[in-house]
Amino acid sequence: LQDVCKWQASNTLELSPNLPQAGGWAVPPG
């Protein structure tokens, strides 16, 4: 089905662009 529709799945191993990067939450240090 992917070959027929010319669709490629996104890389699910990477973080979503809508979420902050690791350690990006505003929390106290440590």
ModelCIF file with pLDDT and N, C-alpha, C, O atoms, coordinates in Angstrom:
data_MODEL
#
_entry.id   MODEL 
#
_entity.id                         1 
_entity.type                       polymer 
_entity.pdbx_number_of_molecules   1 
#
_entity_poly.entity_id                      1 
_entity_poly.type                           'polypeptide(L)' 
_entity_poly.nstd_linkage                   no 
_entity_poly.nstd_monomer                   no 
_entity_poly.pdbx_seq_one_letter_code       LQDVCKWQASNTLELSPNLPQAGGWAVPPG 
_entity_poly.pdbx_seq_one_letter_code_can   LQDVCKWQASNTLELSPNLPQAGGWAVPPG 
_entity_poly.pdbx_strand_id                 A 
#
loop_
_entity_poly_seq.entity_id 
_entity_poly_seq.num 
_entity_poly_seq.mon_id 
_entity_poly_seq.hetero 
1 1  LEU n 
1 2  GLN n 
1 3  ASP n 
1 4  VAL n 
1 5  CYS n 
1 6  LYS n 
1 7  TRP n 
1 8  GLN n 
1 9  ALA n 
1 10 SER n 
1 11 ASN n 
1 12 THR n 
1 13 LEU n 
1 14 GLU n 
1 15 LEU n 
1 16 SER n 
1 17 PRO n 
1 18 ASN n 
1 19 LEU n 
1 20 PRO n 
1 21 GLN n 
1 22 ALA n 
1 23 GLY n 
1 24 GLY n 
1 25 TRP n 
1 26 ALA n 
1 27 VAL n 
1 28 PRO n 
1 29 PRO n 
1 30 GLY n 
#
_struct_asym.id          A 
_struct_asym.entity_id   1 
#
loop_
_ma_qa_metric.id 
_ma_qa_metric.mode 
_ma_qa_metric.name 
_ma_qa_metric.software_group_id 
_ma_qa_metric.type 
1 global pLDDT . pLDDT 
2 local  pLDDT . pLDDT 
#
_ma_qa_metric_global.metric_id      1 
_ma_qa_metric_global.metric_value   49.13 
_ma_qa_metric_global.model_id       1 
_ma_qa_metric_global.ordinal_id     1 
#
loop_
_ma_qa_metric_local.label_asym_id 
_ma_qa_metric_local.label_comp_id 
_ma_qa_metric_local.label_seq_id 
_ma_qa_metric_local.metric_id 
_ma_qa_metric_local.metric_value 
_ma_qa_metric_local.model_id 
_ma_qa_metric_local.ordinal_id 
A LEU 1  2 44.00 1 1  
A GLN 2  2 48.00 1 2  
A ASP 3  2 56.00 1 3  
A VAL 4  2 50.00 1 4  
A CYS 5  2 50.00 1 5  
A LYS 6  2 51.00 1 6  
A TRP 7  2 48.00 1 7  
A GLN 8  2 52.00 1 8  
A ALA 9  2 47.00 1 9  
A SER 10 2 48.00 1 10 
A ASN 11 2 47.00 1 11 
A THR 12 2 39.00 1 12 
A LEU 13 2 41.00 1 13 
A GLU 14 2 44.00 1 14 
A LEU 15 2 39.00 1 15 
A SER 16 2 42.00 1 16 
A PRO 17 2 42.00 1 17 
A ASN 18 2 45.00 1 18 
A LEU 19 2 41.00 1 19 
A PRO 20 2 45.00 1 20 
A GLN 21 2 46.00 1 21 
A ALA 22 2 43.00 1 22 
A GLY 23 2 46.00 1 23 
A GLY 24 2 51.00 1 24 
A TRP 25 2 50.00 1 25 
A ALA 26 2 62.00 1 26 
A VAL 27 2 60.00 1 27 
A PRO 28 2 66.00 1 28 
A PRO 29 2 67.00 1 29 
A GLY 30 2 64.00 1 30 
#
loop_
_atom_site.group_PDB 
_atom_site.id 
_atom_site.type_symbol 
_atom_site.label_atom_id 
_atom_site.label_alt_id 
_atom_site.label_comp_id 
_atom_site.label_asym_id 
_atom_site.label_entity_id 
_atom_site.label_seq_id 
_atom_site.pdbx_PDB_ins_code 
_atom_site.Cartn_x 
_atom_site.Cartn_y 
_atom_site.Cartn_z 
_atom_site.occupancy 
_atom_site.B_iso_or_equiv 
_atom_site.pdbx_formal_charge 
_atom_site.auth_seq_id 
_atom_site.auth_comp_id 
_atom_site.auth_asym_id 
_atom_site.auth_atom_id 
_atom_site.pdbx_PDB_model_num 
ATOM 1   N N  . LEU A 1 1  ? 0.830  -1.197 0.000  1.00 44.00 ? 1  LEU A N  1 
ATOM 2   C CA . LEU A 1 1  ? 0.000  0.000  0.000  1.00 44.00 ? 1  LEU A CA 1 
ATOM 3   C C  . LEU A 1 1  ? 0.868  1.252  0.000  1.00 44.00 ? 1  LEU A C  1 
ATOM 4   O O  . LEU A 1 1  ? 0.515  2.246  -0.635 1.00 44.00 ? 1  LEU A O  1 
ATOM 5   N N  . GLN A 1 2  ? 1.993  1.221  0.699  1.00 48.00 ? 2  GLN A N  1 
ATOM 6   C CA . GLN A 1 2  ? 2.882  2.371  0.721  1.00 48.00 ? 2  GLN A CA 1 
ATOM 7   C C  . GLN A 1 2  ? 3.495  2.615  -0.658 1.00 48.00 ? 2  GLN A C  1 
ATOM 8   O O  . GLN A 1 2  ? 3.671  3.761  -1.072 1.00 48.00 ? 2  GLN A O  1 
ATOM 9   N N  . ASP A 1 3  ? 3.820  1.520  -1.373 1.00 56.00 ? 3  ASP A N  1 
ATOM 10  C CA . ASP A 1 3  ? 4.405  1.674  -2.700 1.00 56.00 ? 3  ASP A CA 1 
ATOM 11  C C  . ASP A 1 3  ? 3.400  2.259  -3.680 1.00 56.00 ? 3  ASP A C  1 
ATOM 12  O O  . ASP A 1 3  ? 3.755  3.090  -4.516 1.00 56.00 ? 3  ASP A O  1 
ATOM 13  N N  . VAL A 1 4  ? 2.127  1.821  -3.579 1.00 50.00 ? 4  VAL A N  1 
ATOM 14  C CA . VAL A 1 4  ? 1.104  2.318  -4.492 1.00 50.00 ? 4  VAL A CA 1 
ATOM 15  C C  . VAL A 1 4  ? 0.811  3.789  -4.235 1.00 50.00 ? 4  VAL A C  1 
ATOM 16  O O  . VAL A 1 4  ? 0.679  4.571  -5.177 1.00 50.00 ? 4  VAL A O  1 
ATOM 17  N N  . CYS A 1 5  ? 0.709  4.162  -2.986 1.00 50.00 ? 5  CYS A N  1 
ATOM 18  C CA . CYS A 1 5  ? 0.339  5.537  -2.616 1.00 50.00 ? 5  CYS A CA 1 
ATOM 19  C C  . CYS A 1 5  ? 1.539  6.478  -2.580 1.00 50.00 ? 5  CYS A C  1 
ATOM 20  O O  . CYS A 1 5  ? 1.373  7.680  -2.375 1.00 50.00 ? 5  CYS A O  1 
ATOM 21  N N  . LYS A 1 6  ? 2.756  5.942  -2.778 1.00 51.00 ? 6  LYS A N  1 
ATOM 22  C CA . LYS A 1 6  ? 3.955  6.777  -2.715 1.00 51.00 ? 6  LYS A CA 1 
ATOM 23  C C  . LYS A 1 6  ? 4.078  7.479  -1.368 1.00 51.00 ? 6  LYS A C  1 
ATOM 24  O O  . LYS A 1 6  ? 4.460  8.646  -1.284 1.00 51.00 ? 6  LYS A O  1 
ATOM 25  N N  . TRP A 1 7  ? 3.736  6.720  -0.296 1.00 48.00 ? 7  TRP A N  1 
ATOM 26  C CA . TRP A 1 7  ? 3.737  7.306  1.056  1.00 48.00 ? 7  TRP A CA 1 
ATOM 27  C C  . TRP A 1 7  ? 4.849  6.695  1.867  1.00 48.00 ? 7  TRP A C  1 
ATOM 28  O O  . TRP A 1 7  ? 5.078  5.488  1.794  1.00 48.00 ? 7  TRP A O  1 
ATOM 29  N N  . GLN A 1 8  ? 5.541  7.501  2.634  1.00 52.00 ? 8  GLN A N  1 
ATOM 30  C CA . GLN A 1 8  ? 6.613  7.034  3.484  1.00 52.00 ? 8  GLN A CA 1 
ATOM 31  C C  . GLN A 1 8  ? 6.309  7.412  4.921  1.00 52.00 ? 8  GLN A C  1 
ATOM 32  O O  . GLN A 1 8  ? 5.971  8.557  5.221  1.00 52.00 ? 8  GLN A O  1 
ATOM 33  N N  . ALA A 1 9  ? 6.434  6.442  5.796  1.00 47.00 ? 9  ALA A N  1 
ATOM 34  C CA . ALA A 1 9  ? 6.189  6.700  7.212  1.00 47.00 ? 9  ALA A CA 1 
ATOM 35  C C  . ALA A 1 9  ? 7.298  7.536  7.797  1.00 47.00 ? 9  ALA A C  1 
ATOM 36  O O  . ALA A 1 9  ? 8.467  7.408  7.433  1.00 47.00 ? 9  ALA A O  1 
ATOM 37  N N  . SER A 1 10 ? 6.898  8.405  8.722  1.00 48.00 ? 10 SER A N  1 
ATOM 38  C CA . SER A 1 10 ? 7.898  9.241  9.379  1.00 48.00 ? 10 SER A CA 1 
ATOM 39  C C  . SER A 1 10 ? 8.713  8.410  10.355 1.00 48.00 ? 10 SER A C  1 
ATOM 40  O O  . SER A 1 10 ? 8.289  7.333  10.774 1.00 48.00 ? 10 SER A O  1 
ATOM 41  N N  . ASN A 1 11 ? 9.862  8.906  10.707 1.00 47.00 ? 11 ASN A N  1 
ATOM 42  C CA . ASN A 1 11 ? 10.740 8.211  11.634 1.00 47.00 ? 11 ASN A CA 1 
ATOM 43  C C  . ASN A 1 11 ? 10.164 8.329  13.038 1.00 47.00 ? 11 ASN A C  1 
ATOM 44  O O  . ASN A 1 11 ? 10.193 9.397  13.650 1.00 47.00 ? 11 ASN A O  1 
ATOM 45  N N  . THR A 1 12 ? 9.642  7.214  13.534 1.00 39.00 ? 12 THR A N  1 
ATOM 46  C CA . THR A 1 12 ? 8.996  7.238  14.853 1.00 39.00 ? 12 THR A CA 1 
ATOM 47  C C  . THR A 1 12 ? 9.991  7.246  15.994 1.00 39.00 ? 12 THR A C  1 
ATOM 48  O O  . THR A 1 12 ? 9.616  7.441  17.150 1.00 39.00 ? 12 THR A O  1 
ATOM 49  N N  . LEU A 1 13 ? 11.291 7.028  15.667 1.00 41.00 ? 13 LEU A N  1 
ATOM 50  C CA . LEU A 1 13 ? 12.280 7.032  16.738 1.00 41.00 ? 13 LEU A CA 1 
ATOM 51  C C  . LEU A 1 13 ? 12.619 8.442  17.197 1.00 41.00 ? 13 LEU A C  1 
ATOM 52  O O  . LEU A 1 13 ? 13.089 8.641  18.317 1.00 41.00 ? 13 LEU A O  1 
ATOM 53  N N  . GLU A 1 14 ? 12.377 9.429  16.322 1.00 44.00 ? 14 GLU A N  1 
ATOM 54  C CA . GLU A 1 14 ? 12.669 10.792 16.680 1.00 44.00 ? 14 GLU A CA 1 
ATOM 55  C C  . GLU A 1 14 ? 11.508 11.411 17.457 1.00 44.00 ? 14 GLU A C  1 
ATOM 56  O O  . GLU A 1 14 ? 10.368 10.964 17.332 1.00 44.00 ? 14 GLU A O  1 
ATOM 57  N N  . LEU A 1 15 ? 11.794 12.431 18.254 1.00 39.00 ? 15 LEU A N  1 
ATOM 58  C CA . LEU A 1 15 ? 10.765 13.111 19.024 1.00 39.00 ? 15 LEU A CA 1 
ATOM 59  C C  . LEU A 1 15 ? 9.865  13.922 18.108 1.00 39.00 ? 15 LEU A C  1 
ATOM 60  O O  . LEU A 1 15 ? 10.304 14.411 17.068 1.00 39.00 ? 15 LEU A O  1 
ATOM 61  N N  . SER A 1 16 ? 8.618  14.061 18.495 1.00 42.00 ? 16 SER A N  1 
ATOM 62  C CA . SER A 1 16 ? 7.690  14.867 17.730 1.00 42.00 ? 16 SER A CA 1 
ATOM 63  C C  . SER A 1 16 ? 8.119  16.327 17.773 1.00 42.00 ? 16 SER A C  1 
ATOM 64  O O  . SER A 1 16 ? 8.552  16.805 18.821 1.00 42.00 ? 16 SER A O  1 
ATOM 65  N N  . PRO A 1 17 ? 8.008  17.052 16.649 1.00 42.00 ? 17 PRO A N  1 
ATOM 66  C CA . PRO A 1 17 ? 8.404  18.475 16.676 1.00 42.00 ? 17 PRO A CA 1 
ATOM 67  C C  . PRO A 1 17 ? 7.537  19.315 17.584 1.00 42.00 ? 17 PRO A C  1 
ATOM 68  O O  . PRO A 1 17 ? 7.913  20.437 17.921 1.00 42.00 ? 17 PRO A O  1 
ATOM 69  N N  . ASN A 1 18 ? 6.351  18.792 18.002 1.00 45.00 ? 18 ASN A N  1 
ATOM 70  C CA . ASN A 1 18 ? 5.470  19.547 18.892 1.00 45.00 ? 18 ASN A CA 1 
ATOM 71  C C  . ASN A 1 18 ? 5.841  19.390 20.357 1.00 45.00 ? 18 ASN A C  1 
ATOM 72  O O  . ASN A 1 18 ? 5.299  20.087 21.214 1.00 45.00 ? 18 ASN A O  1 
ATOM 73  N N  . LEU A 1 19 ? 6.764  18.475 20.649 1.00 41.00 ? 19 LEU A N  1 
ATOM 74  C CA . LEU A 1 19 ? 7.175  18.248 22.024 1.00 41.00 ? 19 LEU A CA 1 
ATOM 75  C C  . LEU A 1 19 ? 8.551  18.834 22.263 1.00 41.00 ? 19 LEU A C  1 
ATOM 76  O O  . LEU A 1 19 ? 9.369  18.880 21.345 1.00 41.00 ? 19 LEU A O  1 
ATOM 77  N N  . PRO A 1 20 ? 8.822  19.284 23.480 1.00 45.00 ? 20 PRO A N  1 
ATOM 78  C CA . PRO A 1 20 ? 10.156 19.829 23.772 1.00 45.00 ? 20 PRO A CA 1 
ATOM 79  C C  . PRO A 1 20 ? 11.207 18.733 23.748 1.00 45.00 ? 20 PRO A C  1 
ATOM 80  O O  . PRO A 1 20 ? 10.906 17.556 23.945 1.00 45.00 ? 20 PRO A O  1 
ATOM 81  N N  . GLN A 1 21 ? 12.438 19.138 23.504 1.00 46.00 ? 21 GLN A N  1 
ATOM 82  C CA . GLN A 1 21 ? 13.531 18.178 23.508 1.00 46.00 ? 21 GLN A CA 1 
ATOM 83  C C  . GLN A 1 21 ? 13.782 17.680 24.932 1.00 46.00 ? 21 GLN A C  1 
ATOM 84  O O  . GLN A 1 21 ? 13.305 18.252 25.912 1.00 46.00 ? 21 GLN A O  1 
ATOM 85  N N  . ALA A 1 22 ? 14.547 16.597 25.005 1.00 43.00 ? 22 ALA A N  1 
ATOM 86  C CA . ALA A 1 22 ? 14.860 16.020 26.317 1.00 43.00 ? 22 ALA A CA 1 
ATOM 87  C C  . ALA A 1 22 ? 15.532 17.065 27.193 1.00 43.00 ? 22 ALA A C  1 
ATOM 88  O O  . ALA A 1 22 ? 16.489 17.712 26.770 1.00 43.00 ? 22 ALA A O  1 
ATOM 89  N N  . GLY A 1 23 ? 15.048 17.227 28.377 1.00 46.00 ? 23 GLY A N  1 
ATOM 90  C CA . GLY A 1 23 ? 15.585 18.213 29.292 1.00 46.00 ? 23 GLY A CA 1 
ATOM 91  C C  . GLY A 1 23 ? 15.075 19.612 29.050 1.00 46.00 ? 23 GLY A C  1 
ATOM 92  O O  . GLY A 1 23 ? 15.566 20.565 29.656 1.00 46.00 ? 23 GLY A O  1 
ATOM 93  N N  . GLY A 1 24 ? 14.076 19.757 28.156 1.00 51.00 ? 24 GLY A N  1 
ATOM 94  C CA . GLY A 1 24 ? 13.566 21.076 27.840 1.00 51.00 ? 24 GLY A CA 1 
ATOM 95  C C  . GLY A 1 24 ? 12.445 21.548 28.737 1.00 51.00 ? 24 GLY A C  1 
ATOM 96  O O  . GLY A 1 24 ? 11.989 22.684 28.608 1.00 51.00 ? 24 GLY A O  1 
ATOM 97  N N  . TRP A 1 25 ? 11.982 20.681 29.664 1.00 50.00 ? 25 TRP A N  1 
ATOM 98  C CA . TRP A 1 25 ? 10.912 21.084 30.570 1.00 50.00 ? 25 TRP A CA 1 
ATOM 99  C C  . TRP A 1 25 ? 11.450 22.066 31.602 1.00 50.00 ? 25 TRP A C  1 
ATOM 100 O O  . TRP A 1 25 ? 12.578 21.926 32.077 1.00 50.00 ? 25 TRP A O  1 
ATOM 101 N N  . ALA A 1 26 ? 10.647 23.048 31.942 1.00 62.00 ? 26 ALA A N  1 
ATOM 102 C CA . ALA A 1 26 ? 11.060 24.069 32.921 1.00 62.00 ? 26 ALA A CA 1 
ATOM 103 C C  . ALA A 1 26 ? 10.830 23.531 34.323 1.00 62.00 ? 26 ALA A C  1 
ATOM 104 O O  . ALA A 1 26 ? 9.814  23.827 34.953 1.00 62.00 ? 26 ALA A O  1 
ATOM 105 N N  . VAL A 1 27 ? 11.778 22.741 34.805 1.00 60.00 ? 27 VAL A N  1 
ATOM 106 C CA . VAL A 1 27 ? 11.697 22.174 36.144 1.00 60.00 ? 27 VAL A CA 1 
ATOM 107 C C  . VAL A 1 27 ? 12.965 22.556 36.892 1.00 60.00 ? 27 VAL A C  1 
ATOM 108 O O  . VAL A 1 27 ? 13.962 22.908 36.261 1.00 60.00 ? 27 VAL A O  1 
ATOM 109 N N  . PRO A 1 28 ? 12.954 22.496 38.216 1.00 66.00 ? 28 PRO A N  1 
ATOM 110 C CA . PRO A 1 28 ? 14.150 22.844 38.987 1.00 66.00 ? 28 PRO A CA 1 
ATOM 111 C C  . PRO A 1 28 ? 15.330 21.953 38.600 1.00 66.00 ? 28 PRO A C  1 
ATOM 112 O O  . PRO A 1 28 ? 15.127 20.801 38.217 1.00 66.00 ? 28 PRO A O  1 
ATOM 113 N N  . PRO A 1 29 ? 16.523 22.451 38.693 1.00 67.00 ? 29 PRO A N  1 
ATOM 114 C CA . PRO A 1 29 ? 17.709 21.657 38.360 1.00 67.00 ? 29 PRO A CA 1 
ATOM 115 C C  . PRO A 1 29 ? 17.825 20.427 39.244 1.00 67.00 ? 29 PRO A C  1 
ATOM 116 O O  . PRO A 1 29 ? 17.560 20.476 40.445 1.00 67.00 ? 29 PRO A O  1 
ATOM 117 N N  . GLY A 1 30 ? 18.226 19.326 38.629 1.00 64.00 ? 30 GLY A N  1 
ATOM 118 C CA . GLY A 1 30 ? 18.414 18.084 39.367 1.00 64.00 ? 30 GLY A CA 1 
ATOM 119 C C  . GLY A 1 30 ? 17.161 17.254 39.527 1.00 64.00 ? 30 GLY A C  1 
ATOM 120 O O  . GLY A 1 30 ? 17.204 16.183 40.134 1.00 64.00 ? 30 GLY A O  1 
#
